[in-house]
Structure formats: structure tokens, C-alpha cells
Amino acid sequence: MAMNNKLRDENLDFLFRGILQLQTMEECYNFFEDLCTVSEIKAMSQRAVVAKMLRDGHVYSDIVARTGASTATISRVNRSLNYGCDGYDLIFQRIDAESETSAAGSSDAEDTDAQ
């Protein structure tokens, strides 16, 4: 059973519906600053970076040096990557796809400018 089934309730549904309403990076910054402490936001962002570095094949010592994350945090994130609900991989795929689309758009613009 996926962990999200244990977490699911109407309060979290309300929170997640609210998050899905955010449309810009600035709106995300504003909402999360209102919702969380700075430490909580930084901890979440650290976990996301740790997950990306693990997916990209970095070793623990490199991750500790770059992020300051403890080996316990890295292990927990690694466990989520291997046995979790695939949430990290979903966002990585979408960020990569968005980056590829943006890169293609800018090279198309450069090609048009060159003509």
C-alpha cells in the first residue's frame, strides 16, 4: 500500500488543491513563506536537491558536501526514491521536459533571428 493512502484526508486534499492553484514561482514563494517556517522550506528544498543528485548518480559524500544534508536524510530520500510513490521522479521528468521545451524554443528563436 502506498504511503499516500495512509496520509489522505480532507485537510491534506484542501492543502494540495490550494497548491495546485499556484501559477507562478512568485506565488509559490509567497504561499510557502506564509505556510511554513524558513527551516521547513529549506529542508524540503534540500530533500529535492538530494533526490535529484541521487538520481543523477552522485555519491553520498558529494551530496553531503554540496547540500549539507546528513547521511540520515540522504538515506531517507534514497529509500523514498527506491520504495516510495515515485513523486520525485514525476517532478524530475516534468522539469526535464519543460527544460527541453524551453531550450528548443530558444534555439528556434535563435534560428529565426539568424535568418
C-alpha atoms as a PDB file:
ATOM      1  CA  MET A   1       0.000   0.000   0.000  1.00  0.00           C
ATOM      2  CA  ALA A   2       1.323   3.407  -0.944  1.00  0.00           C
ATOM      3  CA  MET A   3       2.038   5.791   1.892  1.00  0.00           C
ATOM      4  CA  ASN A   4      -0.262   8.433   0.396  1.00  0.00           C
ATOM      5  CA  ASN A   5      -3.262   6.225   1.213  1.00  0.00           C
ATOM      6  CA  LYS A   6      -2.321   6.463   4.903  1.00  0.00           C
ATOM      7  CA  LEU A   7      -1.969  10.246   4.670  1.00  0.00           C
ATOM      8  CA  ARG A   8      -5.037  11.030   2.582  1.00  0.00           C
ATOM      9  CA  ASP A   9      -7.681  13.088   4.331  1.00  0.00           C
ATOM     10  CA  GLU A  10      -9.784  16.124   3.573  1.00  0.00           C
ATOM     11  CA  ASN A  11      -7.333  18.543   5.231  1.00  0.00           C
ATOM     12  CA  LEU A  12      -4.465  17.417   3.003  1.00  0.00           C
ATOM     13  CA  ASP A  13      -6.774  17.397  -0.015  1.00  0.00           C
ATOM     14  CA  PHE A  14      -7.609  21.032   0.759  1.00  0.00           C
ATOM     15  CA  LEU A  15      -3.913  21.925   1.075  1.00  0.00           C
ATOM     16  CA  PHE A  16      -2.964  20.162  -2.154  1.00  0.00           C
ATOM     17  CA  ARG A  17      -5.883  21.735  -4.061  1.00  0.00           C
ATOM     18  CA  GLY A  18      -4.556  25.086  -2.879  1.00  0.00           C
ATOM     19  CA  ILE A  19      -1.024  24.290  -4.025  1.00  0.00           C
ATOM     20  CA  LEU A  20      -2.363  23.266  -7.432  1.00  0.00           C
ATOM     21  CA  GLN A  21      -3.854  26.772  -7.760  1.00  0.00           C
ATOM     22  CA  LEU A  22      -0.417  28.408  -7.704  1.00  0.00           C
ATOM     23  CA  GLN A  23       0.592  29.588 -11.173  1.00  0.00           C
ATOM     24  CA  THR A  24       3.942  31.343 -10.823  1.00  0.00           C
ATOM     25  CA  MET A  25       7.190  30.926  -8.954  1.00  0.00           C
ATOM     26  CA  GLU A  26       6.429  34.154  -7.061  1.00  0.00           C
ATOM     27  CA  GLU A  27       3.057  32.771  -5.944  1.00  0.00           C
ATOM     28  CA  CYS A  28       4.832  29.630  -4.691  1.00  0.00           C
ATOM     29  CA  TYR A  29       7.363  31.678  -2.742  1.00  0.00           C
ATOM     30  CA  ASN A  30       4.587  33.760  -1.166  1.00  0.00           C
ATOM     31  CA  PHE A  31       2.369  30.812  -0.278  1.00  0.00           C
ATOM     32  CA  PHE A  32       5.116  28.636   1.179  1.00  0.00           C
ATOM     33  CA  GLU A  33       6.546  31.562   3.148  1.00  0.00           C
ATOM     34  CA  ASP A  34       3.103  32.025   4.698  1.00  0.00           C
ATOM     35  CA  LEU A  35       2.600  28.292   5.264  1.00  0.00           C
ATOM     36  CA  CYS A  36       5.999  27.124   6.508  1.00  0.00           C
ATOM     37  CA  THR A  37       8.940  28.291   8.529  1.00  0.00           C
ATOM     38  CA  VAL A  38      12.127  29.125   6.638  1.00  0.00           C
ATOM     39  CA  SER A  39      13.689  25.963   8.096  1.00  0.00           C
ATOM     40  CA  GLU A  40      10.825  23.808   6.818  1.00  0.00           C
ATOM     41  CA  ILE A  41      11.078  25.275   3.319  1.00  0.00           C
ATOM     42  CA  LYS A  42      14.847  24.816   3.259  1.00  0.00           C
ATOM     43  CA  ALA A  43      14.507  21.204   4.492  1.00  0.00           C
ATOM     44  CA  MET A  44      12.043  20.397   1.700  1.00  0.00           C
ATOM     45  CA  SER A  45      14.211  22.021  -0.951  1.00  0.00           C
ATOM     46  CA  GLN A  46      17.272  20.208   0.402  1.00  0.00           C
ATOM     47  CA  ARG A  47      15.473  16.862   0.070  1.00  0.00           C
ATOM     48  CA  ALA A  48      14.510  17.648  -3.512  1.00  0.00           C
ATOM     49  CA  VAL A  49      18.116  18.520  -4.412  1.00  0.00           C
ATOM     50  CA  VAL A  50      19.371  15.391  -2.629  1.00  0.00           C
ATOM     51  CA  ALA A  51      16.890  13.270  -4.602  1.00  0.00           C
ATOM     52  CA  LYS A  52      17.976  14.824  -7.898  1.00  0.00           C
ATOM     53  CA  MET A  53      21.643  14.290  -7.069  1.00  0.00           C
ATOM     54  CA  LEU A  54      20.975  10.649  -6.139  1.00  0.00           C
ATOM     55  CA  ARG A  55      19.070  10.117  -9.403  1.00  0.00           C
ATOM     56  CA  ASP A  56      21.981  11.696 -11.274  1.00  0.00           C
ATOM     57  CA  GLY A  57      24.358   9.156  -9.707  1.00  0.00           C
ATOM     58  CA  HIS A  58      26.169  11.313  -7.148  1.00  0.00           C
ATOM     59  CA  VAL A  59      27.694   9.568  -4.134  1.00  0.00           C
ATOM     60  CA  TYR A  60      26.766  10.407  -0.551  1.00  0.00           C
ATOM     61  CA  SER A  61      29.997  12.310   0.145  1.00  0.00           C
ATOM     62  CA  ASP A  62      29.378  14.634  -2.836  1.00  0.00           C
ATOM     63  CA  ILE A  63      25.785  15.201  -1.722  1.00  0.00           C
ATOM     64  CA  VAL A  64      26.836  15.989   1.858  1.00  0.00           C
ATOM     65  CA  ALA A  65      29.453  18.457   0.586  1.00  0.00           C
ATOM     66  CA  ARG A  66      27.062  20.202  -1.822  1.00  0.00           C
ATOM     67  CA  THR A  67      23.872  20.277   0.255  1.00  0.00           C
ATOM     68  CA  GLY A  68      24.930  19.936   3.880  1.00  0.00           C
ATOM     69  CA  ALA A  69      22.362  17.145   4.256  1.00  0.00           C
ATOM     70  CA  SER A  70      23.060  14.499   6.862  1.00  0.00           C
ATOM     71  CA  THR A  71      23.664  10.936   5.744  1.00  0.00           C
ATOM     72  CA  ALA A  72      20.416  10.044   7.560  1.00  0.00           C
ATOM     73  CA  THR A  73      18.496  12.499   5.353  1.00  0.00           C
ATOM     74  CA  ILE A  74      20.215  11.193   2.233  1.00  0.00           C
ATOM     75  CA  SER A  75      19.354   7.610   3.223  1.00  0.00           C
ATOM     76  CA  ARG A  76      15.734   8.540   3.839  1.00  0.00           C
ATOM     77  CA  VAL A  77      15.469  10.273   0.462  1.00  0.00           C
ATOM     78  CA  ASN A  78      17.173   7.310  -1.209  1.00  0.00           C
ATOM     79  CA  ARG A  79      14.623   4.973   0.396  1.00  0.00           C
ATOM     80  CA  SER A  80      11.820   7.170  -0.982  1.00  0.00           C
ATOM     81  CA  LEU A  81      13.372   7.069  -4.444  1.00  0.00           C
ATOM     82  CA  ASN A  82      13.622   3.288  -4.361  1.00  0.00           C
ATOM     83  CA  TYR A  83      10.475   2.304  -2.472  1.00  0.00           C
ATOM     84  CA  GLY A  84       8.248   5.382  -2.406  1.00  0.00           C
ATOM     85  CA  CYS A  85       5.387   6.632  -4.563  1.00  0.00           C
ATOM     86  CA  ASP A  86       7.592   7.918  -7.446  1.00  0.00           C
ATOM     87  CA  GLY A  87       6.761  11.549  -6.672  1.00  0.00           C
ATOM     88  CA  TYR A  88      10.350  12.718  -7.049  1.00  0.00           C
ATOM     89  CA  ASP A  89      10.716  11.000 -10.428  1.00  0.00           C
ATOM     90  CA  LEU A  90       7.474  12.570 -11.634  1.00  0.00           C
ATOM     91  CA  ILE A  91       8.669  16.103 -10.902  1.00  0.00           C
ATOM     92  CA  PHE A  92      12.124  15.395 -12.358  1.00  0.00           C
ATOM     93  CA  GLN A  93      10.543  14.151 -15.613  1.00  0.00           C
ATOM     94  CA  ARG A  94       8.296  17.204 -15.849  1.00  0.00           C
ATOM     95  CA  ILE A  95      11.106  19.651 -15.051  1.00  0.00           C
ATOM     96  CA  ASP A  96      13.324  17.956 -17.662  1.00  0.00           C
ATOM     97  CA  ALA A  97      10.529  18.071 -20.260  1.00  0.00           C
ATOM     98  CA  GLU A  98       9.898  21.744 -19.502  1.00  0.00           C
ATOM     99  CA  SER A  99      13.633  22.486 -19.791  1.00  0.00           C
ATOM    100  CA  GLU A 100      13.824  20.683 -23.134  1.00  0.00           C
ATOM    101  CA  THR A 101      10.805  22.610 -24.433  1.00  0.00           C
ATOM    102  CA  SER A 102      12.317  25.902 -23.265  1.00  0.00           C
ATOM    103  CA  ALA A 103      15.677  25.051 -24.845  1.00  0.00           C
ATOM    104  CA  ALA A 104      14.019  24.073 -28.122  1.00  0.00           C
ATOM    105  CA  GLY A 105      12.016  27.292 -28.099  1.00  0.00           C
ATOM    106  CA  SER A 106      15.085  29.437 -27.553  1.00  0.00           C
ATOM    107  CA  SER A 107      17.067  27.654 -30.282  1.00  0.00           C
ATOM    108  CA  ASP A 108      14.110  28.077 -32.657  1.00  0.00           C
ATOM    109  CA  ALA A 109      14.106  31.801 -31.838  1.00  0.00           C
ATOM    110  CA  GLU A 110      17.856  31.958 -32.470  1.00  0.00           C
ATOM    111  CA  ASP A 111      17.380  30.173 -35.827  1.00  0.00           C
ATOM    112  CA  THR A 112      14.660  32.662 -36.783  1.00  0.00           C
ATOM    113  CA  ASP A 113      16.861  35.602 -35.756  1.00  0.00           C
ATOM    114  CA  ALA A 114      19.737  34.281 -37.847  1.00  0.00           C
ATOM    115  CA  GLN A 115      17.598  34.180 -40.990  1.00  0.00           C
END
